[in-house]
Amino acid sequence: MAAAGEFALKRNALRISLVAIASVFVFEFVAGIATNSLALLTDSTHALLDSVVTGILIIAVRLASKPRDIEHTYGHGKIEAIGSFIGGAALFVVAILFIYEAAGRIAFGGPTALVVPGAIGFAAATYTLAVDVLRITVLGRAARKSGAATLRADLYHAIADFGSTSVAIVGLWLATTGVYAGDAAAAIVLGAFLAYLSSRFAYQNAVELTDSIPPRLVAKVRQAAIETEGVLGCSDIKMRRVGREVFVDATISLKADISFEKAHETSAQVEHNIAQALGMASVQNITVHFEPVFSPDLPMESIIERAAARVSGVKGVHNIIASRVGGTGRIEVSLHIQVNRSATLSEAHAIASAVEESIKGQLKDADVTVHLEPLMPGLAGVQPLADIEMQNSIAQIVLASPEIKKVGRVATFRTDDDVLKIDVDCTFSQEGPATIEQVHERVTDIEKQIRKKYPGSIVTIHAEPD
């Protein structure tokens, strides 16, 4: 049901109830004065109270229908519970006062106990019964459609009115037979019934205001989460009810070696499963957090990579080497991490230290060596740089090495970050380095020479055999 339609349904039902019960108060109060019937006066005062409470509920419905805002991030649904609690508590107090007055009439009698029944008394009671039936029908139908606490509150009041009016009629009938104490006895029965109903309703709304949630609902959430494929556990479940809405916040545990994309898919599936378990129409009010679990069977390199990657400032992790030192139980770990090119040595060192501590937090007996590298800028938006003089100069630097037989393509680019990027293809002679390790060392030396002439540049040399 749309929010606007639901608000109109609740508002209209309560308005009909307010007009009807206000007319009952006027009719029964006049009849009670005319007949000196405590039962009718009790019932009329109850009607007056219902009029006030229904007015409060109408205001509560209007306030509760307001959308969420910066001060009420969960919405205004709690206002309904506040209005319902006030109504229940007030009704309980009035019921106790009626019981006290009726007991005094029975105990002490006197002129105030004399009831003068007549047609006006029975006419008022009959009219009240008809109005009660109308209110029960209207409010009951609206409460079933919306499930609103305010409508249930007024429905309970209408049911109580019907019961109290029936008791009042019995008291009037007893008075017509000369048993004048029957009117007071009817008032006591009425007061006891109202006290029970109102206290029970006030308690239910008080519990809702304390954010109490039935344990069975929490168990449903946990069960729905752990039965989802890939979930290792579910903890820290928080739930609260605001009006008709239920909000859920839960944390699930996932294997640390799965991808972030897979973790997000799993958490989305958990949200869907929780919504189904609770009978919720959408997952809008469900939030699932996921945290990694480093299981014993997880490869050591994966543990190191994730421990390093979670450190703020780390932009990349590679070249991880981990080995156990025989007989000592120690683990030797080395890895390369990338940090922002603009970071100072002090800032980069702090990041490296944090990486070491993060890894040692997962591998207790580890000695960690961190190699720092500047982050290479992305290639998005790279523009070719047609500078023939620069390209010839780079080719001369490469050819200056005796192992290089020829230079192929020399490409120069300028990145969005105004960084010079240089790509070079070259061929090594047959008399050059014999192993890839030796080739790598020679290429690294040539790259250093190019960067010396063009500081801050990124140089990539592709070596080919003759």
Protein backbone atom coordinates (compact mmCIF):
# COMPACT_ATOMS: atom_id res chain seq x y z
CA MET A 1 0.00 0.00 0.00
CA ALA A 2 1.39 3.40 -0.95
CA ALA A 3 2.38 5.65 1.94
CA ALA A 4 -0.14 8.37 0.95
CA GLY A 5 -2.98 5.86 0.67
CA GLU A 6 -2.08 4.26 3.99
CA PHE A 7 -2.01 7.64 5.71
CA ALA A 8 -5.44 8.56 4.27
CA LEU A 9 -6.86 5.19 5.39
CA LYS A 10 -5.69 5.63 8.98
CA ARG A 11 -6.68 9.29 9.14
CA ASN A 12 -10.21 8.73 7.80
CA ALA A 13 -10.86 5.74 10.08
CA LEU A 14 -9.78 7.72 13.13
CA ARG A 15 -11.85 10.75 12.14
CA ILE A 16 -15.00 8.62 11.82
CA SER A 17 -14.20 7.08 15.20
CA LEU A 18 -13.67 10.53 16.77
CA VAL A 19 -17.02 11.94 15.59
CA ALA A 20 -18.89 8.80 16.64
CA ILE A 21 -17.39 8.53 20.13
CA ALA A 22 -17.81 12.27 20.79
CA SER A 23 -21.56 11.93 20.11
CA VAL A 24 -21.67 8.96 22.52
CA PHE A 25 -20.13 11.06 25.28
CA VAL A 26 -22.77 13.77 24.95
CA PHE A 27 -25.70 11.34 24.87
CA GLU A 28 -24.48 9.07 27.71
CA PHE A 29 -23.38 11.92 29.97
CA VAL A 30 -26.80 13.56 29.79
CA ALA A 31 -28.50 10.21 30.37
CA GLY A 32 -26.18 9.39 33.28
CA ILE A 33 -26.97 12.68 35.02
CA ALA A 34 -30.68 12.21 34.44
CA THR A 35 -30.72 8.64 35.83
CA ASN A 36 -27.91 8.96 38.43
CA SER A 37 -26.35 5.85 36.82
CA LEU A 38 -22.67 5.42 37.68
CA ALA A 39 -22.39 2.86 34.93
CA LEU A 40 -23.60 5.34 32.30
CA LEU A 41 -21.44 8.14 33.71
CA THR A 42 -18.47 5.77 33.72
CA ASP A 43 -19.18 4.79 30.16
CA SER A 44 -19.63 8.43 29.09
CA THR A 45 -16.37 9.44 30.76
CA HIS A 46 -14.73 6.52 29.01
CA ALA A 47 -16.17 7.90 25.76
CA LEU A 48 -14.74 11.33 26.55
CA LEU A 49 -11.37 9.78 27.23
CA ASP A 50 -11.61 7.86 23.97
CA SER A 51 -12.34 11.14 22.17
CA VAL A 52 -9.21 12.72 23.63
CA VAL A 53 -7.11 9.63 22.90
CA THR A 54 -8.43 9.37 19.34
CA GLY A 55 -7.51 13.03 18.84
CA ILE A 56 -4.00 12.24 20.08
CA LEU A 57 -3.80 9.28 17.73
CA ILE A 58 -4.85 11.41 14.76
CA ILE A 59 -2.00 13.81 15.56
CA ALA A 60 0.36 10.84 15.99
CA VAL A 61 -0.63 9.41 12.61
CA ARG A 62 0.01 12.77 10.93
CA LEU A 63 3.45 13.07 12.55
CA ALA A 64 4.35 9.43 11.92
CA SER A 65 3.57 9.78 8.20
CA LYS A 66 6.36 12.34 7.75
CA PRO A 67 9.32 11.01 5.73
CA ARG A 68 12.75 10.42 7.25
CA ASP A 69 14.84 13.50 7.81
CA ILE A 70 18.25 14.46 9.15
CA GLU A 71 17.03 14.29 12.77
CA HIS A 72 14.91 11.13 12.38
CA THR A 73 16.96 8.77 10.22
CA TYR A 74 14.66 5.85 11.07
CA GLY A 75 11.51 7.86 10.31
CA HIS A 76 8.78 9.02 12.71
CA GLY A 77 7.07 5.67 13.32
CA LYS A 78 7.85 5.70 17.06
CA ILE A 79 5.40 8.58 17.49
CA GLU A 80 2.55 6.11 16.92
CA ALA A 81 3.78 3.98 19.80
CA ILE A 82 4.08 7.06 22.03
CA GLY A 83 0.49 8.08 21.28
CA SER A 84 -0.76 4.55 21.90
CA PHE A 85 1.12 4.31 25.20
CA ILE A 86 -0.37 7.60 26.42
CA GLY A 87 -3.85 6.39 25.52
CA GLY A 88 -3.44 3.08 27.33
CA ALA A 89 -1.94 4.65 30.46
CA ALA A 90 -4.65 7.31 30.71
CA LEU A 91 -7.40 4.74 30.27
CA PHE A 92 -5.93 2.62 33.06
CA VAL A 93 -5.96 5.56 35.52
CA VAL A 94 -9.61 6.39 34.77
CA ALA A 95 -10.62 2.73 35.13
CA ILE A 96 -9.13 2.62 38.64
CA LEU A 97 -11.06 5.79 39.60
CA PHE A 98 -14.34 4.23 38.44
CA ILE A 99 -13.68 1.07 40.46
CA TYR A 100 -13.00 3.20 43.56
CA GLU A 101 -16.25 5.18 43.17
CA ALA A 102 -18.33 2.07 42.51
CA ALA A 103 -16.89 0.28 45.54
CA GLY A 104 -17.79 3.30 47.68
CA ARG A 105 -21.41 3.18 46.51
CA ILE A 106 -21.70 -0.50 47.35
CA ALA A 107 -19.99 -0.13 50.73
CA PHE A 108 -21.71 3.02 51.96
CA GLY A 109 -24.90 3.28 49.87
CA GLY A 110 -26.82 6.52 50.60
CA PRO A 111 -28.70 8.84 48.25
CA THR A 112 -25.85 8.92 45.70
CA ALA A 113 -26.32 5.20 45.11
CA LEU A 114 -29.96 5.57 44.06
CA VAL A 115 -30.42 4.98 40.35
CA VAL A 116 -33.55 6.18 38.55
CA PRO A 117 -33.65 4.12 35.36
CA GLY A 118 -35.77 5.27 32.49
CA ALA A 119 -36.19 5.29 28.73
CA ILE A 120 -33.43 7.86 28.27
CA GLY A 121 -30.91 5.57 29.97
CA PHE A 122 -31.71 2.58 27.77
CA ALA A 123 -31.89 4.77 24.66
CA ALA A 124 -28.40 6.15 25.37
CA ALA A 125 -27.01 2.66 25.96
CA THR A 126 -28.60 1.31 22.78
CA TYR A 127 -27.26 4.22 20.72
CA THR A 128 -23.80 3.62 22.19
CA LEU A 129 -23.91 -0.06 21.25
CA ALA A 130 -24.74 0.85 17.66
CA VAL A 131 -21.89 3.37 17.51
CA ASP A 132 -19.48 0.81 19.02
CA VAL A 133 -20.40 -1.73 16.34
CA LEU A 134 -19.78 0.92 13.66
CA ARG A 135 -16.38 1.84 15.11
CA ILE A 136 -15.30 -1.79 15.50
CA THR A 137 -16.20 -2.48 11.87
CA VAL A 138 -14.46 0.61 10.44
CA LEU A 139 -11.36 0.40 12.62
CA GLY A 140 -11.03 -3.37 12.32
CA ARG A 141 -11.05 -3.22 8.52
CA ALA A 142 -8.54 -0.36 8.44
CA ALA A 143 -6.26 -2.03 11.03
CA ARG A 144 -6.12 -5.26 9.00
CA LYS A 145 -5.11 -3.36 5.87
CA SER A 146 -2.50 -1.09 7.45
CA GLY A 147 -1.42 -2.91 10.63
CA ALA A 148 -0.93 0.50 12.29
CA ALA A 149 -0.58 0.59 16.08
CA THR A 150 -2.76 3.71 16.28
CA LEU A 151 -5.69 1.94 14.63
CA ARG A 152 -5.24 -1.10 16.88
CA ALA A 153 -5.30 1.27 19.85
CA ASP A 154 -8.61 2.80 18.83
CA LEU A 155 -10.00 -0.65 17.91
CA TYR A 156 -9.22 -1.90 21.44
CA HIS A 157 -10.98 1.15 22.81
CA ALA A 158 -14.03 0.45 20.64
CA ILE A 159 -14.16 -3.18 21.82
CA ALA A 160 -13.81 -1.99 25.40
CA ASP A 161 -16.65 0.49 24.79
CA PHE A 162 -18.91 -2.28 23.50
CA GLY A 163 -18.19 -4.43 26.53
CA SER A 164 -18.61 -1.57 28.96
CA THR A 165 -21.91 -0.49 27.41
CA SER A 166 -23.21 -4.04 27.62
CA VAL A 167 -22.32 -4.12 31.31
CA ALA A 168 -23.97 -0.70 31.77
CA ILE A 169 -27.20 -2.05 30.25
CA VAL A 170 -27.13 -4.97 32.70
CA GLY A 171 -26.64 -2.53 35.58
CA LEU A 172 -29.59 -0.40 34.39
CA TRP A 173 -31.78 -3.48 34.09
CA LEU A 174 -30.88 -4.55 37.65
CA ALA A 175 -31.80 -1.06 38.84
CA THR A 176 -35.24 -1.41 37.24
CA THR A 177 -35.78 -4.53 39.37
CA GLY A 178 -34.84 -2.63 42.53
CA VAL A 179 -31.27 -3.90 42.83
CA TYR A 180 -29.65 -0.49 42.78
CA ALA A 181 -26.24 -1.88 43.75
CA GLY A 182 -26.24 -3.68 40.42
CA ASP A 183 -25.35 -0.42 38.70
CA ALA A 184 -22.26 0.02 40.89
CA ALA A 185 -21.36 -3.65 40.48
CA ALA A 186 -21.57 -3.20 36.72
CA ALA A 187 -19.24 -0.22 37.01
CA ILE A 188 -16.72 -2.36 38.95
CA VAL A 189 -16.82 -5.10 36.31
CA LEU A 190 -16.44 -2.44 33.63
CA GLY A 191 -13.51 -0.80 35.44
CA ALA A 192 -11.69 -4.11 35.95
CA PHE A 193 -12.09 -4.98 32.27
CA LEU A 194 -10.82 -1.59 31.16
CA ALA A 195 -7.89 -1.71 33.61
CA TYR A 196 -6.75 -5.07 32.21
CA LEU A 197 -7.15 -4.06 28.57
CA SER A 198 -5.49 -0.67 28.94
CA SER A 199 -2.55 -1.94 31.04
CA ARG A 200 -1.86 -4.71 28.54
CA PHE A 201 -1.94 -2.32 25.62
CA ALA A 202 0.23 0.30 27.38
CA TYR A 203 2.77 -2.42 28.21
CA GLN A 204 2.97 -3.59 24.57
CA ASN A 205 3.70 -0.08 23.35
CA ALA A 206 6.18 0.58 26.17
CA VAL A 207 8.08 -2.54 25.10
CA GLU A 208 8.14 -1.30 21.50
CA LEU A 209 9.53 2.06 22.63
CA THR A 210 12.49 0.26 24.29
CA ASP A 211 13.39 -1.34 20.91
CA SER A 212 12.69 -4.80 22.29
CA ILE A 213 12.64 -7.46 19.55
CA PRO A 214 11.37 -11.04 19.99
CA PRO A 215 14.34 -13.46 20.08
CA ARG A 216 12.63 -15.61 17.44
CA LEU A 217 13.04 -12.76 14.90
CA VAL A 218 16.75 -12.46 15.69
CA ALA A 219 17.05 -16.24 15.29
CA LYS A 220 15.34 -16.01 11.89
CA VAL A 221 17.83 -13.40 10.72
CA ARG A 222 20.82 -15.46 11.89
CA GLN A 223 19.46 -18.63 10.30
CA ALA A 224 18.76 -16.90 6.98
CA ALA A 225 22.32 -15.51 6.94
CA ILE A 226 24.27 -18.67 7.81
CA GLU A 227 22.24 -20.78 5.37
CA THR A 228 23.43 -18.53 2.52
CA GLU A 229 26.15 -20.19 0.43
CA GLY A 230 29.61 -18.88 1.27
CA VAL A 231 28.73 -17.43 4.69
CA LEU A 232 30.92 -18.80 7.50
CA GLY A 233 29.11 -17.09 10.37
CA CYS A 234 26.78 -14.28 11.39
CA SER A 235 27.21 -12.03 14.42
CA ASP A 236 26.42 -8.62 15.88
CA ILE A 237 22.77 -8.63 14.79
CA LYS A 238 20.91 -5.41 15.61
CA MET A 239 17.16 -5.03 15.04
CA ARG A 240 14.55 -2.44 15.85
CA ARG A 241 10.90 -1.91 15.01
CA VAL A 242 9.70 1.57 14.01
CA GLY A 243 5.96 1.56 13.38
CA ARG A 244 5.34 -1.16 10.80
CA GLU A 245 8.95 -1.19 9.59
CA VAL A 246 11.69 -3.49 10.87
CA PHE A 247 15.35 -2.45 10.53
CA VAL A 248 18.12 -5.07 10.46
CA ASP A 249 21.88 -4.63 10.76
CA ALA A 250 24.08 -7.77 10.69
CA THR A 251 27.72 -8.76 10.16
CA ILE A 252 28.68 -11.90 8.22
CA SER A 253 32.05 -13.67 7.98
CA LEU A 254 33.44 -14.68 4.58
CA LYS A 255 36.63 -16.42 3.46
CA ALA A 256 39.38 -13.86 3.08
CA ASP A 257 40.54 -15.15 -0.31
CA ILE A 258 37.33 -14.40 -2.22
CA SER A 259 37.10 -11.34 -4.43
CA PHE A 260 35.41 -8.14 -3.32
CA GLU A 261 32.84 -8.59 -6.09
CA LYS A 262 31.96 -12.08 -4.81
CA ALA A 263 31.74 -10.77 -1.23
CA HIS A 264 29.32 -8.07 -2.36
CA GLU A 265 27.18 -10.63 -4.23
CA THR A 266 27.05 -12.86 -1.16
CA SER A 267 26.03 -10.00 1.15
CA ALA A 268 23.28 -9.01 -1.31
CA GLN A 269 21.99 -12.59 -1.27
CA VAL A 270 22.01 -12.54 2.54
CA GLU A 271 19.91 -9.37 2.51
CA HIS A 272 17.42 -11.05 0.15
CA ASN A 273 17.22 -14.18 2.31
CA ILE A 274 16.65 -12.13 5.49
CA ALA A 275 13.85 -10.17 3.79
CA GLN A 276 12.15 -13.43 2.80
CA ALA A 277 12.52 -14.90 6.29
CA LEU A 278 10.92 -11.82 7.88
CA GLY A 279 8.25 -11.40 5.20
CA MET A 280 9.58 -7.99 4.18
CA ALA A 281 8.67 -6.58 0.78
CA SER A 282 12.17 -5.20 0.08
CA VAL A 283 15.73 -5.12 1.46
CA GLN A 284 15.67 -1.33 1.89
CA ASN A 285 15.90 -1.55 5.70
CA ILE A 286 18.47 -4.38 5.78
CA THR A 287 22.21 -3.66 6.04
CA VAL A 288 24.77 -6.47 5.90
CA HIS A 289 28.47 -5.90 6.62
CA PHE A 290 31.08 -8.51 5.70
CA GLU A 291 34.47 -9.18 7.24
CA PRO A 292 37.24 -11.57 6.13
CA VAL A 293 38.16 -14.74 8.00
CA PHE A 294 41.72 -15.98 7.55
CA SER A 295 41.23 -19.73 7.69
CA PRO A 296 44.20 -22.08 8.33
CA ASP A 297 43.99 -23.56 4.82
CA LEU A 298 44.36 -20.14 3.16
CA PRO A 299 47.66 -19.79 1.19
CA MET A 300 50.23 -17.74 3.08
CA GLU A 301 50.70 -15.38 0.14
CA SER A 302 46.96 -14.59 0.14
CA ILE A 303 47.07 -13.80 3.85
CA ILE A 304 50.04 -11.47 3.31
CA GLU A 305 48.48 -9.74 0.31
CA ARG A 306 45.19 -9.01 2.10
CA ALA A 307 46.91 -7.93 5.30
CA ALA A 308 49.02 -5.45 3.32
CA ALA A 309 46.21 -4.24 1.04
CA ARG A 310 43.98 -3.26 3.97
CA VAL A 311 46.52 -0.66 5.17
CA SER A 312 45.56 2.90 4.26
CA GLY A 313 47.93 4.36 1.68
CA VAL A 314 48.83 1.05 -0.01
CA LYS A 315 47.98 1.31 -3.72
CA GLY A 316 49.28 -2.07 -4.85
CA VAL A 317 50.97 -5.25 -3.61
CA HIS A 318 53.17 -7.64 -5.62
CA ASN A 319 56.33 -9.78 -5.60
CA ILE A 320 55.35 -11.57 -2.37
CA ILE A 321 57.85 -14.14 -1.15
CA ALA A 322 57.18 -16.12 2.03
CA SER A 323 59.22 -19.04 3.34
CA ARG A 324 59.67 -20.83 6.63
CA VAL A 325 63.16 -20.91 8.13
CA GLY A 326 63.92 -24.56 8.84
CA GLY A 327 64.07 -25.53 12.49
CA THR A 328 63.24 -22.06 13.86
CA GLY A 329 59.54 -21.76 13.13
CA ARG A 330 60.16 -18.25 11.82
CA ILE A 331 58.63 -16.99 8.55
CA GLU A 332 60.64 -14.73 6.27
CA VAL A 333 58.39 -12.41 4.28
CA SER A 334 59.31 -9.89 1.61
CA LEU A 335 56.97 -7.92 -0.61
CA HIS A 336 56.73 -4.82 -2.77
CA ILE A 337 54.08 -2.19 -2.15
CA GLN A 338 53.16 0.84 -4.19
CA VAL A 339 52.38 4.22 -2.63
CA ASN A 340 51.51 7.60 -4.12
CA ARG A 341 54.36 9.12 -6.09
CA SER A 342 53.93 12.38 -4.19
CA ALA A 343 54.34 10.78 -0.76
CA THR A 344 57.37 11.88 1.28
CA LEU A 345 59.88 9.35 2.57
CA SER A 346 58.50 9.80 6.09
CA GLU A 347 54.94 9.14 4.92
CA ALA A 348 55.97 6.11 2.86
CA HIS A 349 57.96 4.70 5.79
CA ALA A 350 54.92 5.03 8.07
CA ILE A 351 52.84 3.08 5.53
CA ALA A 352 55.52 0.38 5.32
CA SER A 353 55.62 0.08 9.11
CA ALA A 354 51.83 -0.27 9.21
CA VAL A 355 52.06 -3.03 6.57
CA GLU A 356 54.61 -4.90 8.69
CA GLU A 357 52.36 -4.70 11.76
CA SER A 358 49.32 -5.82 9.77
CA ILE A 359 51.15 -8.88 8.43
CA LYS A 360 52.55 -9.76 11.85
CA GLY A 361 49.02 -9.57 13.20
CA GLN A 362 48.14 -12.49 10.92
CA LEU A 363 51.49 -14.34 10.95
CA LYS A 364 52.76 -14.15 14.52
CA ASP A 365 56.31 -15.41 13.89
CA ALA A 366 57.09 -13.41 10.77
CA ASP A 367 60.05 -11.20 9.88
CA VAL A 368 58.81 -8.74 7.26
CA THR A 369 60.76 -6.74 4.70
CA VAL A 370 58.81 -4.16 2.70
CA HIS A 371 60.13 -2.68 -0.54
CA LEU A 372 58.58 0.69 -1.43
CA GLU A 373 57.72 1.69 -5.00
CA PRO A 374 56.00 4.77 -6.44
CA LEU A 375 52.56 4.15 -7.89
CA MET A 376 52.51 4.18 -11.65
CA PRO A 377 49.84 6.54 -12.99
CA GLY A 378 46.95 5.03 -14.90
CA LEU A 379 46.94 5.05 -18.70
CA ALA A 380 43.46 6.61 -19.01
CA GLY A 381 43.65 9.81 -21.02
CA VAL A 382 47.25 9.24 -22.22
CA GLN A 383 48.10 11.43 -25.22
CA PRO A 384 50.86 10.61 -27.75
CA LEU A 385 53.77 13.01 -27.65
CA ALA A 386 55.24 13.50 -31.13
CA ASP A 387 58.69 14.77 -30.20
CA ILE A 388 61.18 13.38 -32.75
CA GLU A 389 64.17 15.01 -31.05
CA MET A 390 63.28 13.37 -27.71
CA GLN A 391 62.71 9.97 -29.34
CA ASN A 392 66.11 10.13 -31.15
CA SER A 393 67.79 11.09 -27.88
CA ILE A 394 66.23 8.10 -26.12
CA ALA A 395 67.29 5.78 -28.95
CA GLN A 396 70.88 7.00 -28.63
CA ILE A 397 70.90 6.27 -24.89
CA VAL A 398 69.69 2.71 -25.56
CA LEU A 399 72.19 2.11 -28.42
CA ALA A 400 75.01 3.30 -26.18
CA SER A 401 74.87 -0.12 -24.51
CA PRO A 402 77.12 -2.55 -26.43
CA GLU A 403 74.68 -5.46 -25.93
CA ILE A 404 71.93 -3.69 -27.90
CA LYS A 405 71.96 -4.55 -31.60
CA LYS A 406 69.14 -2.24 -32.72
CA VAL A 407 66.31 -0.05 -31.44
CA GLY A 408 62.81 -0.53 -32.79
CA ARG A 409 59.80 1.56 -31.80
CA VAL A 410 60.31 4.51 -29.44
CA ALA A 411 56.97 5.90 -28.23
CA THR A 412 56.48 8.86 -25.93
CA PHE A 413 53.25 9.86 -24.16
CA ARG A 414 52.00 12.45 -21.67
CA THR A 415 49.55 11.27 -18.98
CA ASP A 416 46.72 13.22 -17.39
CA ASP A 417 48.99 13.75 -14.39
CA ASP A 418 51.57 15.42 -16.70
CA VAL A 419 53.94 12.46 -16.37
CA LEU A 420 56.17 11.45 -19.29
CA LYS A 421 55.77 7.80 -20.31
CA ILE A 422 58.37 6.17 -22.57
CA ASP A 423 58.07 2.77 -24.30
CA VAL A 424 61.07 1.28 -26.15
CA ASP A 425 61.48 -1.91 -28.20
CA CYS A 426 65.06 -3.13 -28.59
CA THR A 427 66.98 -6.22 -29.73
CA PHE A 428 69.89 -7.78 -27.84
CA SER A 429 72.79 -9.24 -29.81
CA GLN A 430 73.67 -12.92 -29.56
CA GLU A 431 76.79 -12.00 -27.63
CA GLY A 432 74.67 -10.17 -25.04
CA PRO A 433 73.34 -11.43 -21.65
CA ALA A 434 72.67 -15.17 -21.56
CA THR A 435 69.88 -15.33 -18.93
CA ILE A 436 66.67 -13.39 -18.37
CA GLU A 437 68.04 -12.25 -15.02
CA GLN A 438 71.04 -10.69 -16.75
CA VAL A 439 68.76 -9.11 -19.38
CA HIS A 440 66.58 -7.65 -16.63
CA GLU A 441 69.59 -6.15 -14.88
CA ARG A 442 70.85 -4.55 -18.12
CA VAL A 443 67.38 -3.20 -19.02
CA THR A 444 67.01 -1.75 -15.53
CA ASP A 445 70.33 0.06 -15.93
CA ILE A 446 69.26 1.52 -19.30
CA GLU A 447 65.91 2.65 -17.81
CA LYS A 448 67.84 4.44 -15.03
CA GLN A 449 69.94 6.29 -17.63
CA ILE A 450 66.81 7.43 -19.49
CA ARG A 451 65.14 8.58 -16.25
CA LYS A 452 68.30 10.47 -15.34
CA LYS A 453 67.91 12.58 -18.49
CA TYR A 454 64.09 12.79 -18.18
CA PRO A 455 63.41 12.92 -14.39
CA GLY A 456 60.09 11.56 -13.20
CA SER A 457 59.43 9.64 -16.38
CA ILE A 458 58.06 6.11 -16.53
CA VAL A 459 60.22 3.92 -18.77
CA THR A 460 59.31 0.48 -20.10
CA ILE A 461 61.81 -1.40 -22.29
CA HIS A 462 60.74 -4.49 -24.19
CA ALA A 463 63.74 -6.71 -24.98
CA GLU A 464 63.82 -9.21 -27.85
CA PRO A 465 66.45 -11.74 -28.95
CA ASP A 466 68.36 -11.27 -32.20
